[in-house]
Amino acid sequence: MVVEIGADFAPSPEGNALIKLDIINEVVNKTGITKTKAEMAVETVFESMKKALEQGDRIELRGFGVFNVKPRKTGIGRNPRTGAEVSIPPGKAVRFKPGKELQTLQ
């Protein structure tokens, strides 16, 4: 099932931020399922994505974009308050590359 967020979609009163509750409410409005089931579905999707990224897998959502994990190099940064050099340990960072449809937003 494809759920599209249409022009009638109103984001939360917190400004222009789209929060998880907004997504859950949109699923309820579009599908008619209960809020509890919609919350469980959205939570399951996010947990599956987190688990895949933890394992180093790539997540490709056609028409939306690609999430992947890239290694982050070790480096030297500066503490903005003191100006002292700080060693930055190597790690991993999640990267997102938008798909063609998302890049053409106006």
C-alpha atoms as a PDB file:
ATOM      1  CA  MET A   1       0.000   0.000   0.000  1.00  0.00           C
ATOM      2  CA  VAL A   2       1.284   3.471  -0.874  1.00  0.00           C
ATOM      3  CA  VAL A   3       0.371   6.295   1.470  1.00  0.00           C
ATOM      4  CA  GLU A   4       0.830   9.741   0.016  1.00  0.00           C
ATOM      5  CA  ILE A   5       0.831  12.877   2.106  1.00  0.00           C
ATOM      6  CA  GLY A   6      -1.378  15.272   0.216  1.00  0.00           C
ATOM      7  CA  ALA A   7      -1.906  19.016   0.179  1.00  0.00           C
ATOM      8  CA  ASP A   8      -4.556  18.655   2.907  1.00  0.00           C
ATOM      9  CA  PHE A   9      -1.887  17.353   5.285  1.00  0.00           C
ATOM     10  CA  ALA A  10      -1.271  19.711   8.203  1.00  0.00           C
ATOM     11  CA  PRO A  11       2.013  19.446  10.104  1.00  0.00           C
ATOM     12  CA  SER A  12       2.103  19.692  13.883  1.00  0.00           C
ATOM     13  CA  PRO A  13       1.738  23.065  15.590  1.00  0.00           C
ATOM     14  CA  GLU A  14       5.453  22.947  16.444  1.00  0.00           C
ATOM     15  CA  GLY A  15       6.224  24.815  13.239  1.00  0.00           C
ATOM     16  CA  ASN A  16       7.394  23.270   9.985  1.00  0.00           C
ATOM     17  CA  ALA A  17       8.592  20.051  11.623  1.00  0.00           C
ATOM     18  CA  LEU A  18       6.959  16.765  10.678  1.00  0.00           C
ATOM     19  CA  ILE A  19       6.972  14.519  13.727  1.00  0.00           C
ATOM     20  CA  LYS A  20       6.227  10.809  14.076  1.00  0.00           C
ATOM     21  CA  LEU A  21       2.756  11.548  15.477  1.00  0.00           C
ATOM     22  CA  ASP A  22       1.915  13.435  12.259  1.00  0.00           C
ATOM     23  CA  ILE A  23       2.856  10.370  10.209  1.00  0.00           C
ATOM     24  CA  ILE A  24       0.763   8.118  12.462  1.00  0.00           C
ATOM     25  CA  ASN A  25      -2.238  10.450  12.161  1.00  0.00           C
ATOM     26  CA  GLU A  26      -1.877  10.528   8.373  1.00  0.00           C
ATOM     27  CA  VAL A  27      -1.829   6.713   8.240  1.00  0.00           C
ATOM     28  CA  VAL A  28      -5.000   6.655  10.365  1.00  0.00           C
ATOM     29  CA  ASN A  29      -6.706   9.227   8.098  1.00  0.00           C
ATOM     30  CA  LYS A  30      -5.734   7.496   4.835  1.00  0.00           C
ATOM     31  CA  THR A  31      -6.341   3.886   5.837  1.00  0.00           C
ATOM     32  CA  GLY A  32      -9.023   4.038   8.519  1.00  0.00           C
ATOM     33  CA  ILE A  33      -7.150   1.676  10.838  1.00  0.00           C
ATOM     34  CA  THR A  34      -7.001   2.359  14.557  1.00  0.00           C
ATOM     35  CA  LYS A  35      -4.430   4.747  15.941  1.00  0.00           C
ATOM     36  CA  THR A  36      -2.849   1.919  17.960  1.00  0.00           C
ATOM     37  CA  LYS A  37      -2.348  -0.228  14.850  1.00  0.00           C
ATOM     38  CA  ALA A  38      -1.052   2.731  12.854  1.00  0.00           C
ATOM     39  CA  GLU A  39       1.426   3.550  15.615  1.00  0.00           C
ATOM     40  CA  MET A  40       2.574  -0.076  15.681  1.00  0.00           C
ATOM     41  CA  ALA A  41       3.008  -0.084  11.882  1.00  0.00           C
ATOM     42  CA  VAL A  42       5.011   3.160  11.802  1.00  0.00           C
ATOM     43  CA  GLU A  43       7.122   2.045  14.758  1.00  0.00           C
ATOM     44  CA  THR A  44       7.805  -1.298  13.028  1.00  0.00           C
ATOM     45  CA  VAL A  45       8.974   0.466   9.867  1.00  0.00           C
ATOM     46  CA  PHE A  46      11.347   2.721  11.805  1.00  0.00           C
ATOM     47  CA  GLU A  47      12.698  -0.149  13.912  1.00  0.00           C
ATOM     48  CA  SER A  48      13.330  -2.201  10.755  1.00  0.00           C
ATOM     49  CA  MET A  49      15.201   0.714   9.219  1.00  0.00           C
ATOM     50  CA  LYS A  50      17.312   1.193  12.365  1.00  0.00           C
ATOM     51  CA  LYS A  51      18.159  -2.498  12.503  1.00  0.00           C
ATOM     52  CA  ALA A  52      19.176  -2.557   8.837  1.00  0.00           C
ATOM     53  CA  LEU A  53      21.413   0.494   9.260  1.00  0.00           C
ATOM     54  CA  GLU A  54      23.012  -0.992  12.395  1.00  0.00           C
ATOM     55  CA  GLN A  55      23.935  -4.048  10.320  1.00  0.00           C
ATOM     56  CA  GLY A  56      25.463  -1.802   7.659  1.00  0.00           C
ATOM     57  CA  ASP A  57      22.729  -2.498   5.098  1.00  0.00           C
ATOM     58  CA  ARG A  58      21.590   0.017   2.517  1.00  0.00           C
ATOM     59  CA  ILE A  59      17.931   1.126   2.521  1.00  0.00           C
ATOM     60  CA  GLU A  60      16.555   2.091  -0.876  1.00  0.00           C
ATOM     61  CA  LEU A  61      13.093   3.651  -1.037  1.00  0.00           C
ATOM     62  CA  ARG A  62      12.300   4.097  -4.719  1.00  0.00           C
ATOM     63  CA  GLY A  63      11.102   7.591  -5.505  1.00  0.00           C
ATOM     64  CA  PHE A  64      12.285   8.852  -2.118  1.00  0.00           C
ATOM     65  CA  GLY A  65      15.965   8.146  -1.604  1.00  0.00           C
ATOM     66  CA  VAL A  66      18.705   5.927  -0.229  1.00  0.00           C
ATOM     67  CA  PHE A  67      19.991   5.637   3.344  1.00  0.00           C
ATOM     68  CA  ASN A  68      23.385   4.065   3.970  1.00  0.00           C
ATOM     69  CA  VAL A  69      26.079   3.976   6.619  1.00  0.00           C
ATOM     70  CA  LYS A  70      29.488   5.406   5.802  1.00  0.00           C
ATOM     71  CA  PRO A  71      32.628   5.272   7.919  1.00  0.00           C
ATOM     72  CA  ARG A  72      33.699   8.559   9.442  1.00  0.00           C
ATOM     73  CA  LYS A  73      37.416   9.337   9.545  1.00  0.00           C
ATOM     74  CA  THR A  74      39.317  10.158  12.667  1.00  0.00           C
ATOM     75  CA  GLY A  75      40.334  13.757  12.905  1.00  0.00           C
ATOM     76  CA  ILE A  76      41.175  16.735  15.020  1.00  0.00           C
ATOM     77  CA  GLY A  77      38.581  19.340  15.916  1.00  0.00           C
ATOM     78  CA  ARG A  78      38.503  22.354  18.181  1.00  0.00           C
ATOM     79  CA  ASN A  79      36.485  23.042  21.289  1.00  0.00           C
ATOM     80  CA  PRO A  80      34.593  26.241  20.389  1.00  0.00           C
ATOM     81  CA  ARG A  81      34.729  27.558  23.962  1.00  0.00           C
ATOM     82  CA  THR A  82      38.391  27.011  24.754  1.00  0.00           C
ATOM     83  CA  GLY A  83      39.934  26.632  21.324  1.00  0.00           C
ATOM     84  CA  ALA A  84      41.711  23.484  22.525  1.00  0.00           C
ATOM     85  CA  GLU A  85      42.283  20.719  20.005  1.00  0.00           C
ATOM     86  CA  VAL A  86      40.085  17.663  20.453  1.00  0.00           C
ATOM     87  CA  SER A  87      40.634  14.243  18.942  1.00  0.00           C
ATOM     88  CA  ILE A  88      37.595  13.014  16.991  1.00  0.00           C
ATOM     89  CA  PRO A  89      37.373   9.209  17.081  1.00  0.00           C
ATOM     90  CA  PRO A  90      36.486   7.215  13.958  1.00  0.00           C
ATOM     91  CA  GLY A  91      32.864   6.195  13.729  1.00  0.00           C
ATOM     92  CA  LYS A  92      29.955   5.698  11.406  1.00  0.00           C
ATOM     93  CA  ALA A  93      27.466   8.188  10.055  1.00  0.00           C
ATOM     94  CA  VAL A  94      24.103   7.652   8.359  1.00  0.00           C
ATOM     95  CA  ARG A  95      23.892   9.398   5.002  1.00  0.00           C
ATOM     96  CA  PHE A  96      20.804  10.121   2.909  1.00  0.00           C
ATOM     97  CA  LYS A  97      20.808  10.664  -0.835  1.00  0.00           C
ATOM     98  CA  PRO A  98      17.459  11.928  -2.146  1.00  0.00           C
ATOM     99  CA  GLY A  99      15.862  10.257  -5.154  1.00  0.00           C
ATOM    100  CA  LYS A 100      15.043  12.056  -8.390  1.00  0.00           C
ATOM    101  CA  GLU A 101      11.460  12.844  -7.392  1.00  0.00           C
ATOM    102  CA  LEU A 102      12.587  14.330  -4.080  1.00  0.00           C
ATOM    103  CA  GLN A 103      15.318  16.420  -5.722  1.00  0.00           C
ATOM    104  CA  THR A 104      12.821  18.150  -7.988  1.00  0.00           C
ATOM    105  CA  LEU A 105      10.700  19.553  -5.133  1.00  0.00           C
ATOM    106  CA  GLN A 106       9.904  23.217  -5.473  1.00  0.00           C
END
